[in-house]
Amino acid sequence: MTAYRTQVTIEDPARLELRNLPFRPGQHIKVILVDDAEHEQRARRWRDLFARTQALPQATQLTDEDISREIEAYRSGQ
């Protein structure tokens, strides 16, 4: 599947024009429109959650060895 990403600013909400697309004439494609403001807000919330989680006392006491042991236990089915 070929993915193509571009950004446009809506000037007329009744019309969207995309130019110079890397697809063949007659090729069927799917179009998904995403509001950048909503995407950025969601990404900001995730970053905030990660920062709060990493600041928890139990997270600050983890060592690389602890993490490696946990990964190995998970992989071995323990």
Protein backbone atom coordinates (compact mmCIF):
# COMPACT_ATOMS: atom_id res chain seq x y z
CA MET A 1 0.00 0.00 0.00
CA THR A 2 1.37 3.39 -0.95
CA ALA A 3 0.76 6.14 1.58
CA TYR A 4 0.94 9.80 0.68
CA ARG A 5 0.76 12.59 3.20
CA THR A 6 0.23 16.26 2.52
CA GLN A 7 -1.23 19.24 4.31
CA VAL A 8 -3.67 21.78 3.00
CA THR A 9 -5.60 24.71 4.42
CA ILE A 10 -9.33 24.63 3.81
CA GLU A 11 -10.36 27.75 1.95
CA ASP A 12 -13.83 26.58 0.90
CA PRO A 13 -15.43 23.88 3.10
CA ALA A 14 -17.45 22.67 0.13
CA ARG A 15 -14.34 21.83 -1.90
CA LEU A 16 -10.94 20.22 -1.44
CA GLU A 17 -8.32 20.28 -4.17
CA LEU A 18 -5.20 18.13 -4.12
CA ARG A 19 -2.56 18.51 -6.83
CA ASN A 20 0.42 16.53 -8.09
CA LEU A 21 -0.59 13.29 -6.42
CA PRO A 22 1.62 10.20 -6.91
CA PHE A 23 -1.24 7.98 -8.14
CA ARG A 24 -2.26 6.69 -11.57
CA PRO A 25 -5.41 7.83 -13.37
CA GLY A 26 -8.23 5.45 -12.47
CA GLN A 27 -6.47 4.18 -9.35
CA HIS A 28 -8.79 3.79 -6.35
CA ILE A 29 -7.57 5.48 -3.16
CA LYS A 30 -8.92 6.16 0.31
CA VAL A 31 -8.91 9.67 1.70
CA ILE A 32 -8.80 10.34 5.43
CA LEU A 33 -9.02 13.91 6.67
CA VAL A 34 -7.66 14.76 10.12
CA ASP A 35 -7.94 18.06 11.94
CA ASP A 36 -4.38 19.00 12.92
CA ALA A 37 -5.53 20.84 16.03
CA GLU A 38 -7.19 17.70 17.39
CA HIS A 39 -4.13 15.59 16.53
CA GLU A 40 -1.79 18.04 18.26
CA GLN A 41 -4.03 18.18 21.33
CA ARG A 42 -4.06 14.37 21.57
CA ALA A 43 -0.26 14.22 21.16
CA ARG A 44 0.15 16.85 23.90
CA ARG A 45 -2.05 14.81 26.27
CA TRP A 46 0.06 11.69 25.60
CA ARG A 47 3.30 13.62 26.25
CA ASP A 48 1.85 14.96 29.51
CA LEU A 49 0.80 11.46 30.58
CA PHE A 50 4.26 10.07 29.81
CA ALA A 51 5.93 12.88 31.76
CA ARG A 52 3.69 12.28 34.80
CA THR A 53 4.23 8.52 34.61
CA GLN A 54 8.01 8.86 34.32
CA ALA A 55 8.02 11.19 37.34
CA LEU A 56 6.37 8.61 39.62
CA PRO A 57 8.71 7.45 42.41
CA GLN A 58 8.55 3.81 41.32
CA ALA A 59 9.53 4.79 37.77
CA THR A 60 12.52 6.86 38.87
CA GLN A 61 13.92 3.87 40.79
CA LEU A 62 13.90 1.51 37.80
CA THR A 63 17.26 0.50 36.39
CA ASP A 64 18.07 -0.73 32.91
CA GLU A 65 18.69 -4.15 34.45
CA ASP A 66 15.17 -4.14 35.98
CA ILE A 67 13.68 -3.36 32.60
CA SER A 68 15.77 -6.06 30.87
CA ARG A 69 14.67 -8.67 33.44
CA GLU A 70 11.01 -7.68 33.00
CA ILE A 71 11.27 -7.96 29.22
CA GLU A 72 12.99 -11.34 29.44
CA ALA A 73 10.36 -12.63 31.90
CA TYR A 74 7.58 -11.50 29.58
CA ARG A 75 9.21 -13.13 26.55
CA SER A 76 9.70 -16.41 28.40
CA GLY A 77 6.05 -16.46 29.48
CA GLN A 78 6.61 -15.86 33.19
